[in-house]
Amino acid sequence: MKYSAPEFVTGLKCLICENSYPYGNIFTCPKCGIEGILDVQYDYTKISNLKSQISNHDFNIWRYRDLLPISPDIHPPILHVGWTPIYDAFYSCNDLIPSHTNTIADSIAVGTPRNWRRAIQQIKLPDGKMIAVSDDEILEAMRITARLGGVFGEPAGVTGVAGLKRATEKKIIKPTETVLVVITGNGLKDIQSAKQAVGKEYLIEPTLEAVRKIFA
């Protein structure tokens, strides 16, 4: 399928051989293979004309959506379990279809991965698998890590734990195997999701005695 380019995109350029290509559903250089990442070429004069349009957008992760090199022909569906774009490309063996994202794990929500072919290749080389999890599973992972490990992680940070639980249930990972999950995002980065995970909060004085009374 051919896509028309956004008005401010002039084409694509390989970072290795510097060959230029027209805009389209292509992510790596045909000549250089997966190492040849294609850099988007912009018409910055046209981009400057979007300033007033962007200034009216909400302050969220999609504030600069108009600047992304996504074709106006694409009307991506909302992301949900089973429709994460790279997940579908991994199992269908078809080209990735860019998508909007709608998840509480917003810091790892990438509807248009930069080099998805290489990502998929690196996962498949050691016979790896992909797991997609729901927001409810992520919230449960926030509770599990806090309760069992004393770790207060933000949604994106504990998504690996949710994936581990799902992979164990699907018998991809055996109960006897040892797995390390790295959680780098602190739960204080997303208080609203933390409240959603634990329910009603307790407002107490900042003293150890007040904490003891809550757990008494």
N, C-alpha and C. Protein backbone atom coordinates (compact mmCIF):
# COMPACT_ATOMS: atom_id res chain seq x y z
N MET A 1 0.84 -1.20 0.00
CA MET A 1 0.00 0.00 0.00
C MET A 1 0.87 1.25 0.00
N LYS A 2 0.51 2.24 -0.83
CA LYS A 2 1.28 3.47 -0.89
C LYS A 2 0.60 4.53 -0.02
N TYR A 3 1.43 5.30 0.67
CA TYR A 3 0.94 6.35 1.54
C TYR A 3 1.46 7.70 1.04
N SER A 4 0.60 8.71 1.09
CA SER A 4 1.07 10.05 0.74
C SER A 4 1.84 10.62 1.92
N ALA A 5 2.84 11.43 1.63
CA ALA A 5 3.70 11.97 2.69
C ALA A 5 3.04 13.18 3.35
N PRO A 6 3.31 13.39 4.64
CA PRO A 6 2.90 14.65 5.27
C PRO A 6 3.53 15.80 4.50
N GLU A 7 2.89 16.95 4.47
CA GLU A 7 3.35 18.05 3.63
C GLU A 7 4.74 18.55 3.98
N PHE A 8 5.21 18.28 5.20
CA PHE A 8 6.53 18.78 5.62
C PHE A 8 7.62 17.73 5.49
N VAL A 9 7.31 16.52 4.98
CA VAL A 9 8.31 15.47 4.80
C VAL A 9 8.71 15.41 3.33
N THR A 10 10.00 15.52 3.07
CA THR A 10 10.49 15.52 1.69
C THR A 10 10.98 14.16 1.23
N GLY A 11 11.26 13.25 2.18
CA GLY A 11 11.73 11.93 1.80
C GLY A 11 12.47 11.25 2.94
N LEU A 12 13.20 10.17 2.61
CA LEU A 12 13.95 9.38 3.58
C LEU A 12 15.39 9.25 3.10
N LYS A 13 16.33 9.20 4.07
CA LYS A 13 17.74 9.13 3.69
C LYS A 13 18.47 8.13 4.57
N CYS A 14 19.21 7.21 3.95
CA CYS A 14 19.95 6.19 4.68
C CYS A 14 21.12 6.83 5.44
N LEU A 15 21.26 6.47 6.71
CA LEU A 15 22.34 7.04 7.52
C LEU A 15 23.70 6.44 7.17
N ILE A 16 23.72 5.34 6.43
CA ILE A 16 24.99 4.69 6.06
C ILE A 16 25.44 5.09 4.66
N CYS A 17 24.64 4.75 3.66
CA CYS A 17 25.05 5.03 2.27
C CYS A 17 24.56 6.38 1.76
N GLU A 18 23.68 7.02 2.52
CA GLU A 18 23.13 8.34 2.19
C GLU A 18 22.25 8.33 0.94
N ASN A 19 21.81 7.15 0.50
CA ASN A 19 20.85 7.10 -0.60
C ASN A 19 19.52 7.66 -0.12
N SER A 20 18.81 8.33 -1.01
CA SER A 20 17.51 8.91 -0.68
C SER A 20 16.39 8.08 -1.28
N TYR A 21 15.26 8.04 -0.56
CA TYR A 21 14.09 7.28 -0.99
C TYR A 21 12.84 8.11 -0.77
N PRO A 22 11.83 7.88 -1.59
CA PRO A 22 10.57 8.60 -1.38
C PRO A 22 9.89 8.10 -0.11
N TYR A 23 9.06 8.93 0.46
CA TYR A 23 8.33 8.56 1.67
C TYR A 23 7.44 7.34 1.38
N GLY A 24 7.36 6.43 2.34
CA GLY A 24 6.50 5.26 2.19
C GLY A 24 6.64 4.34 3.39
N ASN A 25 6.02 3.19 3.32
CA ASN A 25 6.06 2.22 4.41
C ASN A 25 7.37 1.42 4.34
N ILE A 26 8.47 2.13 4.55
CA ILE A 26 9.81 1.54 4.48
C ILE A 26 10.62 2.11 5.65
N PHE A 27 11.33 1.24 6.35
CA PHE A 27 12.00 1.67 7.57
C PHE A 27 13.51 1.48 7.53
N THR A 28 14.00 0.62 6.62
CA THR A 28 15.44 0.42 6.50
C THR A 28 15.83 0.47 5.02
N CYS A 29 17.08 0.77 4.79
CA CYS A 29 17.59 0.92 3.42
C CYS A 29 17.62 -0.43 2.69
N PRO A 30 17.01 -0.54 1.51
CA PRO A 30 17.05 -1.79 0.73
C PRO A 30 18.47 -2.22 0.39
N LYS A 31 19.38 -1.27 0.28
CA LYS A 31 20.77 -1.57 -0.08
C LYS A 31 21.58 -2.03 1.13
N CYS A 32 21.40 -1.35 2.26
CA CYS A 32 22.23 -1.62 3.45
C CYS A 32 21.59 -2.61 4.42
N GLY A 33 20.35 -2.99 4.18
CA GLY A 33 19.70 -3.95 5.07
C GLY A 33 19.27 -3.32 6.38
N ILE A 34 19.15 -4.15 7.41
CA ILE A 34 18.60 -3.67 8.68
C ILE A 34 19.50 -2.66 9.38
N GLU A 35 20.78 -2.60 8.99
CA GLU A 35 21.68 -1.62 9.59
C GLU A 35 21.44 -0.22 9.03
N GLY A 36 20.82 -0.14 7.86
CA GLY A 36 20.62 1.14 7.19
C GLY A 36 19.34 1.83 7.62
N ILE A 37 19.39 2.44 8.80
CA ILE A 37 18.22 3.16 9.30
C ILE A 37 17.95 4.37 8.41
N LEU A 38 16.69 4.57 8.07
CA LEU A 38 16.32 5.68 7.21
C LEU A 38 15.91 6.89 8.05
N ASP A 39 16.58 8.01 7.81
CA ASP A 39 16.31 9.25 8.54
C ASP A 39 15.29 10.07 7.75
N VAL A 40 14.28 10.55 8.44
CA VAL A 40 13.25 11.36 7.79
C VAL A 40 13.82 12.74 7.45
N GLN A 41 13.59 13.19 6.21
CA GLN A 41 14.03 14.51 5.77
C GLN A 41 12.85 15.48 5.79
N TYR A 42 13.05 16.63 6.44
CA TYR A 42 11.97 17.58 6.66
C TYR A 42 12.15 18.88 5.88
N ASP A 43 11.03 19.51 5.56
CA ASP A 43 11.02 20.88 5.06
C ASP A 43 10.70 21.75 6.28
N TYR A 44 11.74 22.35 6.87
CA TYR A 44 11.58 23.06 8.14
C TYR A 44 10.78 24.36 7.99
N THR A 45 10.72 24.90 6.79
CA THR A 45 9.90 26.09 6.57
C THR A 45 8.42 25.75 6.77
N LYS A 46 8.01 24.60 6.24
CA LYS A 46 6.62 24.17 6.39
C LYS A 46 6.32 23.78 7.83
N ILE A 47 7.33 23.20 8.51
CA ILE A 47 7.13 22.84 9.91
C ILE A 47 6.88 24.08 10.76
N SER A 48 7.58 25.16 10.47
CA SER A 48 7.42 26.39 11.25
C SER A 48 6.01 26.94 11.15
N ASN A 49 5.32 26.60 10.07
CA ASN A 49 3.95 27.07 9.89
C ASN A 49 2.95 26.35 10.79
N LEU A 50 3.41 25.26 11.45
CA LEU A 50 2.52 24.48 12.30
C LEU A 50 2.53 24.96 13.75
N LYS A 51 3.37 25.95 14.07
CA LYS A 51 3.52 26.39 15.46
C LYS A 51 2.20 26.80 16.08
N SER A 52 1.44 27.62 15.39
CA SER A 52 0.19 28.10 15.96
C SER A 52 -0.81 26.97 16.13
N GLN A 53 -0.78 26.00 15.21
CA GLN A 53 -1.68 24.84 15.31
C GLN A 53 -1.35 23.99 16.53
N ILE A 54 -0.05 23.76 16.77
CA ILE A 54 0.39 22.94 17.89
C ILE A 54 0.12 23.63 19.22
N SER A 55 0.24 24.96 19.24
CA SER A 55 0.05 25.70 20.50
C SER A 55 -1.36 25.53 21.06
N ASN A 56 -2.30 25.11 20.23
CA ASN A 56 -3.68 24.92 20.69
C ASN A 56 -3.95 23.50 21.19
N HIS A 57 -2.95 22.62 21.07
CA HIS A 57 -3.14 21.23 21.50
C HIS A 57 -2.98 21.09 23.01
N ASP A 58 -3.57 20.02 23.55
CA ASP A 58 -3.43 19.74 24.98
C ASP A 58 -2.00 19.35 25.31
N PHE A 59 -1.62 19.56 26.58
CA PHE A 59 -0.28 19.18 27.03
C PHE A 59 -0.28 17.70 27.42
N ASN A 60 -0.17 16.83 26.43
CA ASN A 60 -0.08 15.39 26.68
C ASN A 60 0.92 14.80 25.70
N ILE A 61 1.06 13.48 25.69
CA ILE A 61 2.08 12.86 24.85
C ILE A 61 1.82 13.05 23.36
N TRP A 62 0.60 13.47 22.98
CA TRP A 62 0.27 13.66 21.57
C TRP A 62 0.27 15.13 21.17
N ARG A 63 0.82 16.00 22.03
CA ARG A 63 0.83 17.43 21.70
C ARG A 63 1.52 17.70 20.36
N TYR A 64 2.59 16.95 20.06
CA TYR A 64 3.35 17.18 18.84
C TYR A 64 3.07 16.12 17.77
N ARG A 65 1.90 15.52 17.84
CA ARG A 65 1.49 14.49 16.88
C ARG A 65 1.59 15.01 15.44
N ASP A 66 1.28 16.29 15.22
CA ASP A 66 1.30 16.85 13.87
C ASP A 66 2.69 16.86 13.25
N LEU A 67 3.74 16.75 14.09
CA LEU A 67 5.11 16.78 13.58
C LEU A 67 5.65 15.39 13.27
N LEU A 68 4.93 14.36 13.63
CA LEU A 68 5.40 13.00 13.36
C LEU A 68 5.26 12.68 11.88
N PRO A 69 6.22 11.95 11.32
CA PRO A 69 6.17 11.63 9.89
C PRO A 69 5.19 10.52 9.56
N ILE A 70 3.94 10.70 9.97
CA ILE A 70 2.89 9.70 9.73
C ILE A 70 1.98 10.20 8.63
N SER A 71 1.71 9.36 7.66
CA SER A 71 0.90 9.75 6.51
C SER A 71 -0.51 10.16 6.94
N PRO A 72 -1.05 11.22 6.33
CA PRO A 72 -2.43 11.61 6.62
C PRO A 72 -3.44 10.57 6.13
N ASP A 73 -2.98 9.61 5.30
CA ASP A 73 -3.87 8.55 4.81
C ASP A 73 -4.16 7.50 5.88
N ILE A 74 -3.33 7.47 6.93
CA ILE A 74 -3.44 6.43 7.95
C ILE A 74 -4.35 6.90 9.08
N HIS A 75 -5.34 6.10 9.37
CA HIS A 75 -6.24 6.37 10.49
C HIS A 75 -6.10 5.19 11.46
N PRO A 76 -5.09 5.24 12.31
CA PRO A 76 -4.79 4.09 13.15
C PRO A 76 -5.88 3.80 14.16
N PRO A 77 -6.13 2.52 14.45
CA PRO A 77 -7.09 2.16 15.49
C PRO A 77 -6.47 2.35 16.87
N ILE A 78 -7.29 2.30 17.89
CA ILE A 78 -6.81 2.42 19.26
C ILE A 78 -6.08 1.14 19.65
N LEU A 79 -4.96 1.30 20.34
CA LEU A 79 -4.15 0.16 20.77
C LEU A 79 -4.85 -0.63 21.87
N HIS A 80 -4.90 -1.91 21.75
CA HIS A 80 -5.39 -2.77 22.82
C HIS A 80 -4.68 -4.10 22.74
N VAL A 81 -4.90 -4.95 23.69
CA VAL A 81 -4.22 -6.25 23.69
C VAL A 81 -4.55 -6.98 22.39
N GLY A 82 -3.53 -7.47 21.71
CA GLY A 82 -3.74 -8.14 20.44
C GLY A 82 -3.64 -7.19 19.26
N TRP A 83 -3.48 -5.87 19.53
CA TRP A 83 -3.32 -4.94 18.41
C TRP A 83 -2.19 -3.96 18.68
N THR A 84 -1.22 -4.38 19.45
CA THR A 84 0.00 -3.59 19.51
C THR A 84 0.69 -3.81 18.16
N PRO A 85 1.10 -2.75 17.47
CA PRO A 85 1.57 -2.89 16.09
C PRO A 85 2.74 -3.84 15.91
N ILE A 86 3.76 -3.75 16.77
CA ILE A 86 4.92 -4.63 16.58
C ILE A 86 4.57 -6.07 16.95
N TYR A 87 3.65 -6.25 17.88
CA TYR A 87 3.19 -7.60 18.26
C TYR A 87 2.51 -8.28 17.08
N ASP A 88 1.63 -7.54 16.40
CA ASP A 88 0.95 -8.11 15.23
C ASP A 88 1.93 -8.41 14.11
N ALA A 89 2.89 -7.50 13.89
CA ALA A 89 3.88 -7.73 12.83
C ALA A 89 4.73 -8.96 13.14
N PHE A 90 5.04 -9.15 14.42
CA PHE A 90 5.86 -10.28 14.86
C PHE A 90 5.20 -11.61 14.52
N TYR A 91 3.90 -11.73 14.83
CA TYR A 91 3.23 -13.01 14.66
C TYR A 91 2.58 -13.19 13.28
N SER A 92 2.28 -12.09 12.61
CA SER A 92 1.65 -12.21 11.28
C SER A 92 2.69 -12.30 10.17
N CYS A 93 3.94 -11.88 10.48
CA CYS A 93 5.02 -11.82 9.48
C CYS A 93 4.69 -10.83 8.36
N ASN A 94 3.79 -9.89 8.64
CA ASN A 94 3.47 -8.82 7.68
C ASN A 94 4.16 -7.54 8.11
N ASP A 95 4.13 -6.53 7.22
CA ASP A 95 4.70 -5.23 7.57
C ASP A 95 3.93 -4.61 8.73
N LEU A 96 4.66 -3.86 9.53
CA LEU A 96 4.03 -3.17 10.67
C LEU A 96 3.13 -2.05 10.17
N ILE A 97 1.95 -1.93 10.77
CA ILE A 97 1.02 -0.85 10.46
C ILE A 97 1.06 0.15 11.61
N PRO A 98 1.52 1.38 11.38
CA PRO A 98 1.60 2.36 12.46
C PRO A 98 0.26 2.54 13.16
N SER A 99 0.32 2.81 14.46
CA SER A 99 -0.91 2.88 15.25
C SER A 99 -0.80 3.94 16.32
N HIS A 100 -1.94 4.52 16.68
CA HIS A 100 -2.00 5.33 17.88
C HIS A 100 -1.84 4.40 19.08
N THR A 101 -1.50 4.95 20.23
CA THR A 101 -1.39 4.14 21.42
C THR A 101 -2.33 4.65 22.50
N ASN A 102 -2.86 3.73 23.28
CA ASN A 102 -3.79 4.11 24.34
C ASN A 102 -3.58 3.16 25.51
N THR A 103 -2.64 3.47 26.36
CA THR A 103 -2.31 2.61 27.48
C THR A 103 -1.76 3.44 28.63
N ILE A 104 -1.90 2.95 29.86
CA ILE A 104 -1.35 3.67 31.00
C ILE A 104 0.18 3.60 31.01
N ALA A 105 0.75 2.64 30.28
CA ALA A 105 2.21 2.54 30.20
C ALA A 105 2.70 3.44 29.07
N ASP A 106 2.41 4.74 29.19
CA ASP A 106 2.62 5.64 28.06
C ASP A 106 4.09 5.87 27.71
N SER A 107 5.00 5.70 28.66
CA SER A 107 6.40 5.99 28.35
C SER A 107 7.06 4.90 27.49
N ILE A 108 6.38 3.77 27.30
CA ILE A 108 6.90 2.75 26.37
C ILE A 108 5.91 2.50 25.24
N ALA A 109 4.92 3.37 25.11
CA ALA A 109 3.92 3.21 24.05
C ALA A 109 4.46 3.82 22.76
N VAL A 110 4.82 2.98 21.82
CA VAL A 110 5.39 3.45 20.55
C VAL A 110 4.57 2.88 19.41
N GLY A 111 3.71 3.70 18.85
CA GLY A 111 2.85 3.23 17.77
C GLY A 111 3.58 3.09 16.45
N THR A 112 4.69 3.79 16.30
CA THR A 112 5.49 3.70 15.07
C THR A 112 6.94 3.46 15.45
N PRO A 113 7.32 2.22 15.76
CA PRO A 113 8.71 1.92 16.13
C PRO A 113 9.67 2.29 15.01
N ARG A 114 10.83 2.82 15.39
CA ARG A 114 11.78 3.34 14.40
C ARG A 114 12.39 2.22 13.55
N ASN A 115 12.81 1.14 14.16
CA ASN A 115 13.47 0.07 13.41
C ASN A 115 12.87 -1.27 13.84
N TRP A 116 11.58 -1.42 13.55
CA TRP A 116 10.85 -2.59 14.05
C TRP A 116 11.33 -3.90 13.43
N ARG A 117 11.79 -3.86 12.19
CA ARG A 117 12.27 -5.10 11.56
C ARG A 117 13.48 -5.66 12.33
N ARG A 118 14.38 -4.79 12.71
CA ARG A 118 15.56 -5.25 13.45
C ARG A 118 15.15 -5.75 14.84
N ALA A 119 14.20 -5.06 15.46
CA ALA A 119 13.73 -5.48 16.78
C ALA A 119 13.15 -6.89 16.71
N ILE A 120 12.33 -7.12 15.70
CA ILE A 120 11.72 -8.45 15.54
C ILE A 120 12.79 -9.50 15.24
N GLN A 121 13.77 -9.14 14.40
CA GLN A 121 14.83 -10.09 14.07
C GLN A 121 15.61 -10.49 15.31
N GLN A 122 15.93 -9.52 16.16
CA GLN A 122 16.73 -9.81 17.36
C GLN A 122 15.96 -10.67 18.35
N ILE A 123 14.64 -10.54 18.37
CA ILE A 123 13.83 -11.38 19.26
C ILE A 123 13.72 -12.80 18.71
N LYS A 124 13.61 -12.92 17.40
CA LYS A 124 13.44 -14.25 16.79
C LYS A 124 14.74 -15.05 16.74
N LEU A 125 15.89 -14.37 16.71
CA LEU A 125 17.17 -15.09 16.60
C LEU A 125 17.35 -16.13 17.70
N PRO A 126 17.09 -15.80 18.97
CA PRO A 126 17.23 -16.82 20.03
C PRO A 126 15.92 -17.57 20.28
N ASP A 127 15.01 -17.55 19.27
CA ASP A 127 13.70 -18.20 19.40
C ASP A 127 12.88 -17.52 20.50
N GLY A 128 12.95 -16.18 20.52
CA GLY A 128 12.20 -15.43 21.53
C GLY A 128 10.72 -15.31 21.18
N LYS A 129 9.95 -14.84 22.14
CA LYS A 129 8.50 -14.68 21.98
C LYS A 129 8.11 -13.26 22.39
N MET A 130 6.93 -12.85 21.96
CA MET A 130 6.38 -11.57 22.37
C MET A 130 5.10 -11.81 23.17
N ILE A 131 4.86 -10.94 24.16
CA ILE A 131 3.66 -11.02 24.99
C ILE A 131 3.01 -9.65 25.00
N ALA A 132 1.70 -9.60 24.85
CA ALA A 132 0.95 -8.35 24.98
C ALA A 132 0.09 -8.45 26.24
N VAL A 133 0.07 -7.39 27.03
CA VAL A 133 -0.70 -7.40 28.28
C VAL A 133 -1.65 -6.21 28.32
N SER A 134 -2.70 -6.34 29.10
CA SER A 134 -3.70 -5.28 29.22
C SER A 134 -3.33 -4.30 30.33
N ASP A 135 -4.02 -3.17 30.37
CA ASP A 135 -3.80 -2.21 31.45
C ASP A 135 -4.14 -2.82 32.81
N ASP A 136 -5.17 -3.65 32.86
CA ASP A 136 -5.54 -4.30 34.12
C ASP A 136 -4.41 -5.19 34.63
N GLU A 137 -3.74 -5.89 33.71
CA GLU A 137 -2.62 -6.74 34.10
C GLU A 137 -1.43 -5.90 34.59
N ILE A 138 -1.26 -4.73 33.99
CA ILE A 138 -0.18 -3.83 34.42
C ILE A 138 -0.47 -3.30 35.82
N LEU A 139 -1.72 -2.93 36.07
CA LEU A 139 -2.09 -2.45 37.41
C LEU A 139 -1.90 -3.55 38.45
N GLU A 140 -2.23 -4.78 38.07
CA GLU A 140 -2.02 -5.90 38.98
C GLU A 140 -0.53 -6.11 39.25
N ALA A 141 0.30 -5.90 38.22
CA ALA A 141 1.75 -6.02 38.40
C ALA A 141 2.28 -4.96 39.36
N MET A 142 1.67 -3.77 39.34
CA MET A 142 2.07 -2.73 40.30
C MET A 142 1.81 -3.19 41.72
N ARG A 143 0.68 -3.86 41.91
CA ARG A 143 0.34 -4.36 43.26
C ARG A 143 1.26 -5.51 43.66
N ILE A 144 1.54 -6.40 42.71
CA ILE A 144 2.37 -7.58 43.00
C ILE A 144 3.80 -7.17 43.39
N THR A 145 4.39 -6.26 42.60
CA THR A 145 5.78 -5.86 42.89
C THR A 145 5.90 -5.14 44.23
N ALA A 146 4.87 -4.36 44.56
CA ALA A 146 4.89 -3.65 45.84
C ALA A 146 4.71 -4.63 47.00
N ARG A 147 3.78 -5.56 46.83
CA ARG A 147 3.44 -6.49 47.92
C ARG A 147 4.52 -7.55 48.14
N LEU A 148 5.06 -8.08 47.05
CA LEU A 148 6.01 -9.20 47.17
C LEU A 148 7.47 -8.75 47.16
N GLY A 149 7.74 -7.62 46.55
CA GLY A 149 9.14 -7.21 46.44
C GLY A 149 9.48 -5.88 47.08
N GLY A 150 8.44 -5.17 47.56
CA GLY A 150 8.69 -3.86 48.14
C GLY A 150 9.14 -2.84 47.12
N VAL A 151 8.78 -3.06 45.85
CA VAL A 151 9.18 -2.16 44.77
C VAL A 151 7.97 -1.39 44.27
N PHE A 152 8.05 -0.07 44.30
CA PHE A 152 6.96 0.79 43.83
C PHE A 152 7.31 1.24 42.42
N GLY A 153 6.77 0.54 41.43
CA GLY A 153 7.11 0.83 40.04
C GLY A 153 5.99 1.53 39.31
N GLU A 154 6.35 2.34 38.33
CA GLU A 154 5.34 2.99 37.49
C GLU A 154 4.85 1.97 36.45
N PRO A 155 3.73 2.26 35.76
CA PRO A 155 3.15 1.30 34.80
C PRO A 155 4.14 0.74 33.78
N ALA A 156 4.89 1.62 33.10
CA ALA A 156 5.85 1.13 32.09
C ALA A 156 6.93 0.28 32.72
N GLY A 157 7.33 0.63 33.96
CA GLY A 157 8.39 -0.11 34.63
C GLY A 157 7.99 -1.53 35.01
N VAL A 158 6.71 -1.73 35.34
CA VAL A 158 6.28 -3.06 35.80
C VAL A 158 5.62 -3.87 34.68
N THR A 159 5.58 -3.33 33.48
CA THR A 159 4.96 -4.07 32.37
C THR A 159 5.68 -5.40 32.13
N GLY A 160 6.99 -5.42 32.34
CA GLY A 160 7.75 -6.67 32.20
C GLY A 160 7.28 -7.73 33.20
N VAL A 161 6.89 -7.29 34.39
CA VAL A 161 6.37 -8.23 35.40
C VAL A 161 5.03 -8.79 34.94
N ALA A 162 4.19 -7.92 34.38
CA ALA A 162 2.90 -8.39 33.84
C ALA A 162 3.14 -9.39 32.71
N GLY A 163 4.14 -9.10 31.87
CA GLY A 163 4.47 -10.03 30.78
C GLY A 163 5.01 -11.34 31.29
N LEU A 164 5.81 -11.28 32.36
CA LEU A 164 6.35 -12.51 32.96
C LEU A 164 5.21 -13.39 33.50
N LYS A 165 4.25 -12.77 34.16
CA LYS A 165 3.11 -13.52 34.70
C LYS A 165 2.33 -14.18 33.57
N ARG A 166 2.08 -13.42 32.50
CA ARG A 166 1.34 -13.97 31.36
C ARG A 166 2.15 -15.07 30.68
N ALA A 167 3.46 -14.88 30.53
CA ALA A 167 4.31 -15.88 29.88
C ALA A 167 4.35 -17.17 30.69
N THR A 168 4.30 -17.06 32.01
CA THR A 168 4.27 -18.24 32.87
C THR A 168 2.95 -18.98 32.72
N GLU A 169 1.87 -18.22 32.66
CA GLU A 169 0.54 -18.83 32.49
C GLU A 169 0.44 -19.54 31.14
N LYS A 170 1.09 -19.00 30.11
CA LYS A 170 1.05 -19.61 28.78
C LYS A 170 2.12 -20.68 28.61
N LYS A 171 2.87 -20.94 29.70
CA LYS A 171 3.91 -21.97 29.72
C LYS A 171 5.07 -21.66 28.77
N ILE A 172 5.23 -20.39 28.42
CA ILE A 172 6.41 -19.98 27.67
C ILE A 172 7.62 -20.01 28.58
N ILE A 173 7.40 -19.62 29.83
CA ILE A 173 8.42 -19.70 30.87
C ILE A 173 7.99 -20.75 31.88
N LYS A 174 8.89 -21.67 32.19
CA LYS A 174 8.56 -22.76 33.11
C LYS A 174 8.62 -22.27 34.57
N PRO A 175 7.78 -22.83 35.43
CA PRO A 175 7.77 -22.43 36.85
C PRO A 175 9.11 -22.64 37.55
N THR A 176 9.92 -23.55 37.02
CA THR A 176 11.21 -23.85 37.65
C THR A 176 12.34 -22.93 37.17
N GLU A 177 12.07 -22.10 36.18
CA GLU A 177 13.10 -21.23 35.62
C GLU A 177 13.23 -19.94 36.45
N THR A 178 14.43 -19.38 36.44
CA THR A 178 14.70 -18.13 37.14
C THR A 178 14.73 -16.99 36.12
N VAL A 179 14.01 -15.93 36.44
CA VAL A 179 13.89 -14.80 35.51
C VAL A 179 14.20 -13.50 36.25
N LEU A 180 14.94 -12.62 35.61
CA LEU A 180 15.23 -11.30 36.17
C LEU A 180 14.45 -10.25 35.39
N VAL A 181 13.65 -9.45 36.10
CA VAL A 181 12.92 -8.35 35.48
C VAL A 181 13.48 -7.04 36.04
N VAL A 182 13.95 -6.17 35.16
CA VAL A 182 14.51 -4.89 35.58
C VAL A 182 13.40 -3.84 35.59
N ILE A 183 13.19 -3.19 36.74
CA ILE A 183 12.18 -2.14 36.88
C ILE A 183 12.91 -0.83 37.14
N THR A 184 12.89 0.06 36.17
CA THR A 184 13.66 1.31 36.29
C THR A 184 12.80 2.53 36.59
N GLY A 185 11.49 2.45 36.40
CA GLY A 185 10.62 3.61 36.58
C GLY A 185 9.96 3.62 37.95
N ASN A 186 10.17 4.68 38.73
CA ASN A 186 9.58 4.79 40.06
C ASN A 186 8.10 5.15 39.96
N GLY A 187 7.30 4.57 40.85
CA GLY A 187 5.86 4.80 40.85
C GLY A 187 5.46 6.24 41.06
N LEU A 188 6.34 7.05 41.63
CA LEU A 188 6.03 8.46 41.85
C LEU A 188 5.92 9.24 40.54
N LYS A 189 6.38 8.63 39.44
CA LYS A 189 6.28 9.28 38.14
C LYS A 189 4.84 9.32 37.65
N ASP A 190 3.99 8.44 38.19
CA ASP A 190 2.60 8.35 37.73
C ASP A 190 1.69 8.05 38.93
N ILE A 191 1.41 9.07 39.71
CA ILE A 191 0.61 8.89 40.92
C ILE A 191 -0.82 8.47 40.61
N GLN A 192 -1.38 8.99 39.52
CA GLN A 192 -2.77 8.66 39.18
C GLN A 192 -2.94 7.16 38.92
N SER A 193 -1.98 6.56 38.23
CA SER A 193 -2.07 5.11 37.98
C SER A 193 -1.87 4.33 39.27
N ALA A 194 -1.02 4.85 40.15
CA ALA A 194 -0.80 4.21 41.45
C ALA A 194 -2.10 4.20 42.25
N LYS A 195 -2.81 5.33 42.24
CA LYS A 195 -4.10 5.40 42.93
C LYS A 195 -5.10 4.43 42.31
N GLN A 196 -5.05 4.33 41.00
CA GLN A 196 -5.94 3.41 40.30
C GLN A 196 -5.64 1.96 40.68
N ALA A 197 -4.37 1.67 40.93
CA ALA A 197 -3.96 0.30 41.26
C ALA A 197 -4.34 -0.09 42.68
N VAL A 198 -4.20 0.83 43.61
CA VAL A 198 -4.39 0.47 45.03
C VAL A 198 -5.73 0.87 45.59
N GLY A 199 -6.46 1.75 44.90
CA GLY A 199 -7.74 2.17 45.44
C GLY A 199 -7.59 3.39 46.33
N LYS A 200 -8.47 3.48 47.34
CA LYS A 200 -8.52 4.65 48.21
C LYS A 200 -7.20 4.81 48.98
N GLU A 201 -6.70 6.04 48.99
CA GLU A 201 -5.46 6.32 49.72
C GLU A 201 -5.77 6.74 51.16
N TYR A 202 -4.79 6.60 52.02
CA TYR A 202 -4.90 7.03 53.41
C TYR A 202 -4.09 8.31 53.59
N LEU A 203 -4.72 9.33 54.12
CA LEU A 203 -4.03 10.59 54.40
C LEU A 203 -3.60 10.58 55.85
N ILE A 204 -2.28 10.57 56.09
CA ILE A 204 -1.76 10.45 57.45
C ILE A 204 -0.67 11.48 57.69
N GLU A 205 -0.31 11.65 58.95
CA GLU A 205 0.79 12.51 59.31
C GLU A 205 2.12 11.86 58.88
N PRO A 206 3.12 12.63 58.55
CA PRO A 206 4.41 12.07 58.11
C PRO A 206 5.26 11.56 59.27
N THR A 207 4.72 10.57 59.99
CA THR A 207 5.45 9.99 61.12
C THR A 207 5.35 8.47 61.06
N LEU A 208 6.33 7.79 61.63
CA LEU A 208 6.29 6.32 61.67
C LEU A 208 5.12 5.82 62.51
N GLU A 209 4.78 6.54 63.56
CA GLU A 209 3.67 6.14 64.41
C GLU A 209 2.36 6.13 63.63
N ALA A 210 2.17 7.12 62.76
CA ALA A 210 0.96 7.17 61.94
C ALA A 210 0.92 5.99 60.97
N VAL A 211 2.08 5.61 60.44
CA VAL A 211 2.15 4.44 59.54
C VAL A 211 1.81 3.16 60.30
N ARG A 212 2.32 3.02 61.51
CA ARG A 212 2.05 1.83 62.34
C ARG A 212 0.55 1.69 62.60
N LYS A 213 -0.13 2.79 62.84
CA LYS A 213 -1.56 2.73 63.13
C LYS A 213 -2.34 2.21 61.92
N ILE A 214 -1.90 2.55 60.72
CA ILE A 214 -2.59 2.09 59.52
C ILE A 214 -2.50 0.56 59.40
N PHE A 215 -1.36 0.01 59.79
CA PHE A 215 -1.16 -1.44 59.65
C PHE A 215 -1.49 -2.21 60.91
N ALA A 216 -1.97 -1.54 61.93
CA ALA A 216 -2.29 -2.20 63.19
C ALA A 216 -3.50 -3.12 63.02
